Amino acid sequence: MKIPDLTNYEHLIGGLCGGVTSTVVCHPFDLLKIRFSANEGSSLRPQYSSYADAVRKIVRVEGVRGLYQGWTPSLIGASLSWGLYFQWYNSLRTKIYENFSTGSKLANNLISGCISGSAIMCITNPIWLTKTRISDYAFSMKINSLKSMQE
């Protein structure tokens, strides 16, 4: 069996792996950021005094899995964003150097980064919106059930 040549996709694969790794490690911090920013002071939402307090309360109520709520869109979004960004950035940079060079390495890199980053944000923005909504969804459902019980 012949192993396919993936040298043209090394930046894509590296970005995908980096996106997965960063999501696995950093998603609980992102969840905490979302929970803190979504807390409008309602007495029905848990009140956190610190990030450590928030982690303790989330793990107590929802388990460790609660720290990874909304993980799937985050995993897809980060791996897709980083993979495509690195692939497109390096492809564009090569094309610019070969065909449209400004004569300035800094300007060529800036143009490549701006075009790649803008395209990626347009593609992945719906994924990030979904992730934010899912990360706060369980909280909203619990609050709504508590409100209906009070009435």
N, C-alpha and C. Protein backbone atom coordinates (compact mmCIF):
# COMPACT_ATOMS: atom_id res chain seq x y z
N MET A 1 0.85 -1.18 0.00
CA MET A 1 0.00 0.00 0.00
C MET A 1 0.90 1.24 0.00
N LYS A 2 0.61 2.14 -0.90
CA LYS A 2 1.40 3.36 -1.03
C LYS A 2 0.85 4.46 -0.11
N ILE A 3 1.74 5.08 0.64
CA ILE A 3 1.35 6.18 1.53
C ILE A 3 1.23 7.45 0.70
N PRO A 4 0.09 8.16 0.81
CA PRO A 4 -0.08 9.37 0.01
C PRO A 4 0.90 10.47 0.43
N ASP A 5 1.27 11.29 -0.54
CA ASP A 5 2.17 12.42 -0.28
C ASP A 5 1.34 13.58 0.27
N LEU A 6 1.60 13.94 1.51
CA LEU A 6 0.83 15.00 2.17
C LEU A 6 1.63 16.29 2.35
N THR A 7 2.74 16.42 1.63
CA THR A 7 3.58 17.61 1.83
C THR A 7 2.86 18.89 1.46
N ASN A 8 1.91 18.84 0.56
CA ASN A 8 1.15 20.05 0.21
C ASN A 8 0.15 20.43 1.29
N TYR A 9 -0.09 19.52 2.22
CA TYR A 9 -1.09 19.75 3.26
C TYR A 9 -0.50 19.80 4.66
N GLU A 10 0.81 19.97 4.77
CA GLU A 10 1.45 19.96 6.08
C GLU A 10 0.96 21.11 6.96
N HIS A 11 0.69 22.26 6.39
CA HIS A 11 0.20 23.40 7.18
C HIS A 11 -1.24 23.16 7.62
N LEU A 12 -2.04 22.55 6.76
CA LEU A 12 -3.42 22.21 7.10
C LEU A 12 -3.44 21.22 8.25
N ILE A 13 -2.65 20.16 8.16
CA ILE A 13 -2.61 19.14 9.20
C ILE A 13 -2.09 19.72 10.51
N GLY A 14 -1.04 20.53 10.43
CA GLY A 14 -0.51 21.17 11.64
C GLY A 14 -1.53 22.07 12.31
N GLY A 15 -2.27 22.84 11.52
CA GLY A 15 -3.30 23.72 12.07
C GLY A 15 -4.45 22.94 12.68
N LEU A 16 -4.86 21.86 12.02
CA LEU A 16 -5.92 21.02 12.57
C LEU A 16 -5.52 20.45 13.93
N CYS A 17 -4.29 19.92 14.00
CA CYS A 17 -3.80 19.35 15.26
C CYS A 17 -3.69 20.42 16.35
N GLY A 18 -3.21 21.59 15.98
CA GLY A 18 -3.12 22.69 16.94
C GLY A 18 -4.48 23.13 17.43
N GLY A 19 -5.46 23.17 16.54
CA GLY A 19 -6.82 23.55 16.93
C GLY A 19 -7.44 22.55 17.89
N VAL A 20 -7.23 21.26 17.62
CA VAL A 20 -7.76 20.23 18.51
C VAL A 20 -7.10 20.34 19.89
N THR A 21 -5.78 20.45 19.89
CA THR A 21 -5.05 20.52 21.16
C THR A 21 -5.46 21.74 21.98
N SER A 22 -5.53 22.89 21.32
CA SER A 22 -5.90 24.11 22.06
C SER A 22 -7.32 24.03 22.60
N THR A 23 -8.23 23.39 21.87
CA THR A 23 -9.60 23.26 22.34
C THR A 23 -9.69 22.34 23.55
N VAL A 24 -8.99 21.21 23.49
CA VAL A 24 -9.02 20.28 24.61
C VAL A 24 -8.49 20.94 25.87
N VAL A 25 -7.42 21.71 25.74
CA VAL A 25 -6.79 22.33 26.91
C VAL A 25 -7.54 23.58 27.37
N CYS A 26 -7.99 24.41 26.45
CA CYS A 26 -8.49 25.74 26.81
C CYS A 26 -10.01 25.87 26.87
N HIS A 27 -10.77 24.87 26.42
CA HIS A 27 -12.23 25.04 26.38
C HIS A 27 -12.84 25.35 27.75
N PRO A 28 -12.41 24.72 28.83
CA PRO A 28 -13.01 25.09 30.13
C PRO A 28 -12.85 26.58 30.46
N PHE A 29 -11.74 27.18 30.07
CA PHE A 29 -11.54 28.61 30.32
C PHE A 29 -12.52 29.44 29.48
N ASP A 30 -12.74 29.01 28.25
CA ASP A 30 -13.68 29.70 27.37
C ASP A 30 -15.10 29.58 27.92
N LEU A 31 -15.43 28.42 28.43
CA LEU A 31 -16.75 28.22 29.03
C LEU A 31 -16.94 29.16 30.22
N LEU A 32 -15.90 29.28 31.06
CA LEU A 32 -15.99 30.18 32.21
C LEU A 32 -16.21 31.63 31.75
N LYS A 33 -15.51 32.02 30.70
CA LYS A 33 -15.67 33.37 30.17
C LYS A 33 -17.11 33.60 29.72
N ILE A 34 -17.68 32.61 29.05
CA ILE A 34 -19.06 32.73 28.57
C ILE A 34 -20.03 32.79 29.75
N ARG A 35 -19.82 31.94 30.73
CA ARG A 35 -20.71 31.92 31.89
C ARG A 35 -20.65 33.24 32.66
N PHE A 36 -19.46 33.79 32.82
CA PHE A 36 -19.33 35.08 33.53
C PHE A 36 -19.99 36.20 32.72
N SER A 37 -19.80 36.21 31.42
CA SER A 37 -20.36 37.30 30.61
C SER A 37 -21.86 37.16 30.44
N ALA A 38 -22.40 35.94 30.54
CA ALA A 38 -23.84 35.73 30.39
C ALA A 38 -24.60 35.96 31.69
N ASN A 39 -23.89 36.12 32.78
CA ASN A 39 -24.53 36.31 34.07
C ASN A 39 -24.97 37.76 34.21
N GLU A 40 -26.26 37.97 34.08
CA GLU A 40 -26.80 39.34 34.14
C GLU A 40 -27.22 39.72 35.55
N GLY A 41 -26.82 38.90 36.53
CA GLY A 41 -27.14 39.23 37.92
C GLY A 41 -28.43 38.60 38.40
N SER A 42 -29.03 37.75 37.61
CA SER A 42 -30.28 37.09 38.00
C SER A 42 -30.04 36.23 39.23
N SER A 43 -30.98 36.25 40.13
CA SER A 43 -30.84 35.43 41.34
C SER A 43 -30.98 33.95 41.02
N LEU A 44 -31.51 33.64 39.85
CA LEU A 44 -31.65 32.24 39.46
C LEU A 44 -30.35 31.65 38.91
N ARG A 45 -29.45 32.50 38.47
CA ARG A 45 -28.16 32.02 37.98
C ARG A 45 -27.20 31.90 39.16
N PRO A 46 -26.33 30.91 39.12
CA PRO A 46 -25.34 30.82 40.19
C PRO A 46 -24.45 32.05 40.19
N GLN A 47 -24.12 32.51 41.36
CA GLN A 47 -23.23 33.66 41.50
C GLN A 47 -21.85 33.14 41.85
N TYR A 48 -20.87 33.55 41.08
CA TYR A 48 -19.50 33.09 41.29
C TYR A 48 -18.67 34.22 41.87
N SER A 49 -17.84 33.88 42.82
CA SER A 49 -16.96 34.90 43.42
C SER A 49 -15.60 34.91 42.74
N SER A 50 -15.25 33.83 42.05
CA SER A 50 -13.96 33.75 41.36
C SER A 50 -14.05 32.62 40.33
N TYR A 51 -13.00 32.51 39.53
CA TYR A 51 -12.97 31.42 38.55
C TYR A 51 -12.91 30.07 39.26
N ALA A 52 -12.15 29.98 40.35
CA ALA A 52 -12.06 28.72 41.10
C ALA A 52 -13.42 28.34 41.67
N ASP A 53 -14.15 29.34 42.17
CA ASP A 53 -15.49 29.11 42.69
C ASP A 53 -16.41 28.62 41.57
N ALA A 54 -16.30 29.22 40.40
CA ALA A 54 -17.12 28.81 39.26
C ALA A 54 -16.82 27.36 38.87
N VAL A 55 -15.56 26.99 38.83
CA VAL A 55 -15.19 25.61 38.49
C VAL A 55 -15.79 24.65 39.51
N ARG A 56 -15.66 24.95 40.80
CA ARG A 56 -16.21 24.08 41.84
C ARG A 56 -17.72 23.91 41.69
N LYS A 57 -18.42 25.01 41.46
CA LYS A 57 -19.88 24.94 41.34
C LYS A 57 -20.32 24.21 40.08
N ILE A 58 -19.64 24.45 38.97
CA ILE A 58 -20.00 23.77 37.71
C ILE A 58 -19.76 22.27 37.85
N VAL A 59 -18.62 21.88 38.41
CA VAL A 59 -18.31 20.46 38.56
C VAL A 59 -19.28 19.81 39.55
N ARG A 60 -19.64 20.51 40.60
CA ARG A 60 -20.58 19.95 41.58
C ARG A 60 -21.95 19.72 40.96
N VAL A 61 -22.44 20.66 40.18
CA VAL A 61 -23.79 20.57 39.62
C VAL A 61 -23.83 19.75 38.33
N GLU A 62 -22.87 19.96 37.44
CA GLU A 62 -22.92 19.34 36.12
C GLU A 62 -21.87 18.26 35.90
N GLY A 63 -20.95 18.09 36.84
CA GLY A 63 -19.87 17.13 36.67
C GLY A 63 -18.76 17.75 35.82
N VAL A 64 -17.68 17.00 35.65
CA VAL A 64 -16.55 17.50 34.85
C VAL A 64 -16.99 17.75 33.41
N ARG A 65 -17.94 16.97 32.92
CA ARG A 65 -18.46 17.19 31.56
C ARG A 65 -19.04 18.60 31.41
N GLY A 66 -19.50 19.18 32.49
CA GLY A 66 -20.04 20.53 32.43
C GLY A 66 -19.02 21.56 31.98
N LEU A 67 -17.74 21.30 32.26
CA LEU A 67 -16.68 22.21 31.82
C LEU A 67 -16.44 22.13 30.32
N TYR A 68 -16.96 21.08 29.69
CA TYR A 68 -16.77 20.90 28.25
C TYR A 68 -18.07 21.04 27.47
N GLN A 69 -19.06 21.69 28.08
CA GLN A 69 -20.32 21.93 27.38
C GLN A 69 -20.06 22.86 26.19
N GLY A 70 -20.59 22.51 25.03
CA GLY A 70 -20.33 23.29 23.82
C GLY A 70 -19.01 22.94 23.17
N TRP A 71 -18.44 21.83 23.56
CA TRP A 71 -17.12 21.41 23.11
C TRP A 71 -17.09 21.04 21.63
N THR A 72 -18.13 20.40 21.13
CA THR A 72 -18.12 19.93 19.74
C THR A 72 -17.99 21.07 18.74
N PRO A 73 -18.83 22.11 18.79
CA PRO A 73 -18.62 23.20 17.83
C PRO A 73 -17.29 23.91 18.03
N SER A 74 -16.83 23.97 19.27
CA SER A 74 -15.54 24.59 19.53
C SER A 74 -14.42 23.78 18.90
N LEU A 75 -14.50 22.48 19.01
CA LEU A 75 -13.49 21.60 18.41
C LEU A 75 -13.50 21.72 16.89
N ILE A 76 -14.67 21.71 16.30
CA ILE A 76 -14.79 21.85 14.84
C ILE A 76 -14.30 23.23 14.41
N GLY A 77 -14.75 24.26 15.11
CA GLY A 77 -14.38 25.62 14.74
C GLY A 77 -12.89 25.89 14.85
N ALA A 78 -12.28 25.49 15.96
CA ALA A 78 -10.86 25.77 16.16
C ALA A 78 -9.99 24.98 15.18
N SER A 79 -10.29 23.70 15.01
CA SER A 79 -9.46 22.91 14.10
C SER A 79 -9.64 23.39 12.66
N LEU A 80 -10.86 23.69 12.28
CA LEU A 80 -11.11 24.20 10.92
C LEU A 80 -10.46 25.57 10.73
N SER A 81 -10.62 26.45 11.71
CA SER A 81 -10.04 27.79 11.61
C SER A 81 -8.53 27.74 11.46
N TRP A 82 -7.88 27.06 12.37
CA TRP A 82 -6.42 27.03 12.34
C TRP A 82 -5.89 26.26 11.14
N GLY A 83 -6.53 25.13 10.82
CA GLY A 83 -6.07 24.36 9.67
C GLY A 83 -6.17 25.14 8.37
N LEU A 84 -7.35 25.70 8.13
CA LEU A 84 -7.53 26.47 6.89
C LEU A 84 -6.69 27.74 6.89
N TYR A 85 -6.59 28.40 8.04
CA TYR A 85 -5.80 29.63 8.09
C TYR A 85 -4.35 29.36 7.69
N PHE A 86 -3.72 28.39 8.32
CA PHE A 86 -2.32 28.11 8.00
C PHE A 86 -2.15 27.67 6.55
N GLN A 87 -3.07 26.84 6.05
CA GLN A 87 -2.97 26.38 4.67
C GLN A 87 -3.13 27.55 3.70
N TRP A 88 -4.18 28.36 3.89
CA TRP A 88 -4.43 29.47 2.98
C TRP A 88 -3.37 30.55 3.10
N TYR A 89 -2.94 30.84 4.32
CA TYR A 89 -1.90 31.86 4.52
C TYR A 89 -0.63 31.48 3.75
N ASN A 90 -0.18 30.25 3.90
CA ASN A 90 1.05 29.84 3.23
C ASN A 90 0.87 29.75 1.72
N SER A 91 -0.29 29.32 1.26
CA SER A 91 -0.55 29.28 -0.19
C SER A 91 -0.59 30.70 -0.76
N LEU A 92 -1.29 31.59 -0.10
CA LEU A 92 -1.38 32.98 -0.57
C LEU A 92 -0.01 33.66 -0.53
N ARG A 93 0.73 33.44 0.54
CA ARG A 93 2.05 34.03 0.66
C ARG A 93 2.95 33.58 -0.50
N THR A 94 2.90 32.31 -0.83
CA THR A 94 3.69 31.79 -1.95
C THR A 94 3.26 32.43 -3.26
N LYS A 95 1.94 32.52 -3.49
CA LYS A 95 1.42 33.12 -4.73
C LYS A 95 1.81 34.60 -4.82
N ILE A 96 1.72 35.30 -3.70
CA ILE A 96 2.07 36.72 -3.71
C ILE A 96 3.55 36.91 -4.02
N TYR A 97 4.40 36.12 -3.39
CA TYR A 97 5.83 36.22 -3.66
C TYR A 97 6.16 35.92 -5.12
N GLU A 98 5.46 34.95 -5.71
CA GLU A 98 5.73 34.55 -7.09
C GLU A 98 5.16 35.53 -8.10
N ASN A 99 3.96 36.07 -7.84
CA ASN A 99 3.25 36.83 -8.87
C ASN A 99 3.00 38.30 -8.58
N PHE A 100 2.77 38.65 -7.32
CA PHE A 100 2.32 40.01 -7.02
C PHE A 100 3.14 40.68 -5.93
N SER A 101 4.38 40.34 -5.80
CA SER A 101 5.18 40.82 -4.68
C SER A 101 5.24 42.34 -4.63
N THR A 102 5.10 42.86 -3.43
CA THR A 102 5.18 44.31 -3.22
C THR A 102 6.62 44.76 -3.04
N GLY A 103 7.51 43.79 -2.90
CA GLY A 103 8.91 44.12 -2.64
C GLY A 103 9.23 44.18 -1.17
N SER A 104 8.21 44.15 -0.35
CA SER A 104 8.38 44.18 1.10
C SER A 104 7.86 42.87 1.68
N LYS A 105 8.72 42.16 2.39
CA LYS A 105 8.31 40.90 3.00
C LYS A 105 7.19 41.13 4.02
N LEU A 106 7.31 42.21 4.79
CA LEU A 106 6.29 42.56 5.78
C LEU A 106 4.93 42.80 5.12
N ALA A 107 4.91 43.57 4.04
CA ALA A 107 3.66 43.87 3.35
C ALA A 107 3.06 42.60 2.74
N ASN A 108 3.90 41.76 2.16
CA ASN A 108 3.40 40.50 1.58
C ASN A 108 2.76 39.62 2.65
N ASN A 109 3.42 39.51 3.81
CA ASN A 109 2.89 38.70 4.90
C ASN A 109 1.60 39.30 5.46
N LEU A 110 1.57 40.63 5.57
CA LEU A 110 0.38 41.32 6.07
C LEU A 110 -0.82 41.09 5.14
N ILE A 111 -0.60 41.20 3.87
CA ILE A 111 -1.67 40.98 2.89
C ILE A 111 -2.17 39.54 2.97
N SER A 112 -1.25 38.59 3.04
CA SER A 112 -1.62 37.17 3.12
C SER A 112 -2.42 36.90 4.39
N GLY A 113 -1.97 37.45 5.50
CA GLY A 113 -2.65 37.24 6.78
C GLY A 113 -4.03 37.87 6.81
N CYS A 114 -4.15 39.08 6.28
CA CYS A 114 -5.45 39.77 6.26
C CYS A 114 -6.47 39.04 5.41
N ILE A 115 -6.07 38.62 4.24
CA ILE A 115 -7.00 37.91 3.35
C ILE A 115 -7.40 36.57 3.96
N SER A 116 -6.42 35.81 4.44
CA SER A 116 -6.70 34.49 5.03
C SER A 116 -7.58 34.62 6.27
N GLY A 117 -7.21 35.51 7.17
CA GLY A 117 -7.97 35.69 8.40
C GLY A 117 -9.39 36.15 8.15
N SER A 118 -9.58 37.07 7.22
CA SER A 118 -10.93 37.55 6.91
C SER A 118 -11.80 36.44 6.33
N ALA A 119 -11.23 35.66 5.43
CA ALA A 119 -11.99 34.55 4.83
C ALA A 119 -12.37 33.52 5.88
N ILE A 120 -11.44 33.20 6.76
CA ILE A 120 -11.71 32.20 7.80
C ILE A 120 -12.79 32.70 8.75
N MET A 121 -12.75 33.95 9.14
CA MET A 121 -13.77 34.49 10.04
C MET A 121 -15.15 34.44 9.41
N CYS A 122 -15.24 34.72 8.11
CA CYS A 122 -16.53 34.65 7.43
C CYS A 122 -17.07 33.22 7.42
N ILE A 123 -16.19 32.27 7.25
CA ILE A 123 -16.60 30.87 7.18
C ILE A 123 -16.96 30.31 8.56
N THR A 124 -16.18 30.64 9.57
CA THR A 124 -16.36 29.99 10.88
C THR A 124 -17.21 30.78 11.87
N ASN A 125 -17.61 31.98 11.58
CA ASN A 125 -18.41 32.77 12.51
C ASN A 125 -19.69 32.04 12.96
N PRO A 126 -20.43 31.38 12.07
CA PRO A 126 -21.62 30.64 12.55
C PRO A 126 -21.27 29.52 13.54
N ILE A 127 -20.10 28.93 13.39
CA ILE A 127 -19.68 27.88 14.32
C ILE A 127 -19.45 28.48 15.70
N TRP A 128 -18.80 29.66 15.76
CA TRP A 128 -18.54 30.29 17.05
C TRP A 128 -19.83 30.74 17.73
N LEU A 129 -20.78 31.20 16.96
CA LEU A 129 -22.07 31.58 17.52
C LEU A 129 -22.76 30.36 18.12
N THR A 130 -22.73 29.25 17.39
CA THR A 130 -23.33 28.01 17.88
C THR A 130 -22.66 27.56 19.18
N LYS A 131 -21.33 27.64 19.23
CA LYS A 131 -20.60 27.24 20.42
C LYS A 131 -21.02 28.07 21.63
N THR A 132 -21.13 29.36 21.45
CA THR A 132 -21.51 30.24 22.55
C THR A 132 -22.91 29.92 23.03
N ARG A 133 -23.82 29.69 22.11
CA ARG A 133 -25.20 29.37 22.49
C ARG A 133 -25.28 28.04 23.22
N ILE A 134 -24.56 27.04 22.75
CA ILE A 134 -24.59 25.73 23.41
C ILE A 134 -23.94 25.80 24.78
N SER A 135 -22.87 26.56 24.90
CA SER A 135 -22.17 26.66 26.19
C SER A 135 -23.06 27.26 27.26
N ASP A 136 -24.01 28.09 26.88
CA ASP A 136 -24.90 28.72 27.85
C ASP A 136 -26.29 28.09 27.85
N TYR A 137 -26.55 27.13 26.96
CA TYR A 137 -27.88 26.57 26.78
C TYR A 137 -28.39 25.86 28.04
N ALA A 138 -27.57 25.00 28.63
CA ALA A 138 -28.01 24.24 29.80
C ALA A 138 -28.37 25.19 30.94
N PHE A 139 -27.58 26.23 31.10
CA PHE A 139 -27.88 27.23 32.12
C PHE A 139 -29.25 27.85 31.87
N SER A 140 -29.50 28.24 30.65
CA SER A 140 -30.77 28.87 30.30
C SER A 140 -31.94 27.92 30.55
N MET A 141 -31.75 26.65 30.20
CA MET A 141 -32.82 25.67 30.41
C MET A 141 -33.09 25.49 31.90
N LYS A 142 -32.05 25.42 32.71
CA LYS A 142 -32.23 25.27 34.16
C LYS A 142 -32.93 26.49 34.74
N ILE A 143 -32.55 27.67 34.28
CA ILE A 143 -33.17 28.91 34.78
C ILE A 143 -34.65 28.95 34.40
N ASN A 144 -34.96 28.58 33.15
CA ASN A 144 -36.35 28.59 32.72
C ASN A 144 -37.19 27.61 33.53
N SER A 145 -36.63 26.43 33.83
CA SER A 145 -37.39 25.46 34.63
C SER A 145 -37.59 25.97 36.06
N LEU A 146 -36.56 26.66 36.60
CA LEU A 146 -36.71 27.22 37.94
C LEU A 146 -37.75 28.33 37.97
N LYS A 147 -37.77 29.17 36.93
CA LYS A 147 -38.77 30.25 36.84
C LYS A 147 -40.17 29.68 36.81
N SER A 148 -40.37 28.62 36.01
CA SER A 148 -41.70 28.04 35.88
C SER A 148 -42.12 27.36 37.19
N MET A 149 -41.18 26.84 37.96
CA MET A 149 -41.51 26.23 39.24
C MET A 149 -41.92 27.28 40.27
N GLN A 150 -41.34 28.50 40.15
CA GLN A 150 -41.68 29.57 41.09
C GLN A 150 -43.05 30.15 40.83
N GLU A 151 -43.52 30.05 39.61
CA GLU A 151 -44.82 30.66 39.25
C GLU A 151 -45.99 29.83 39.64
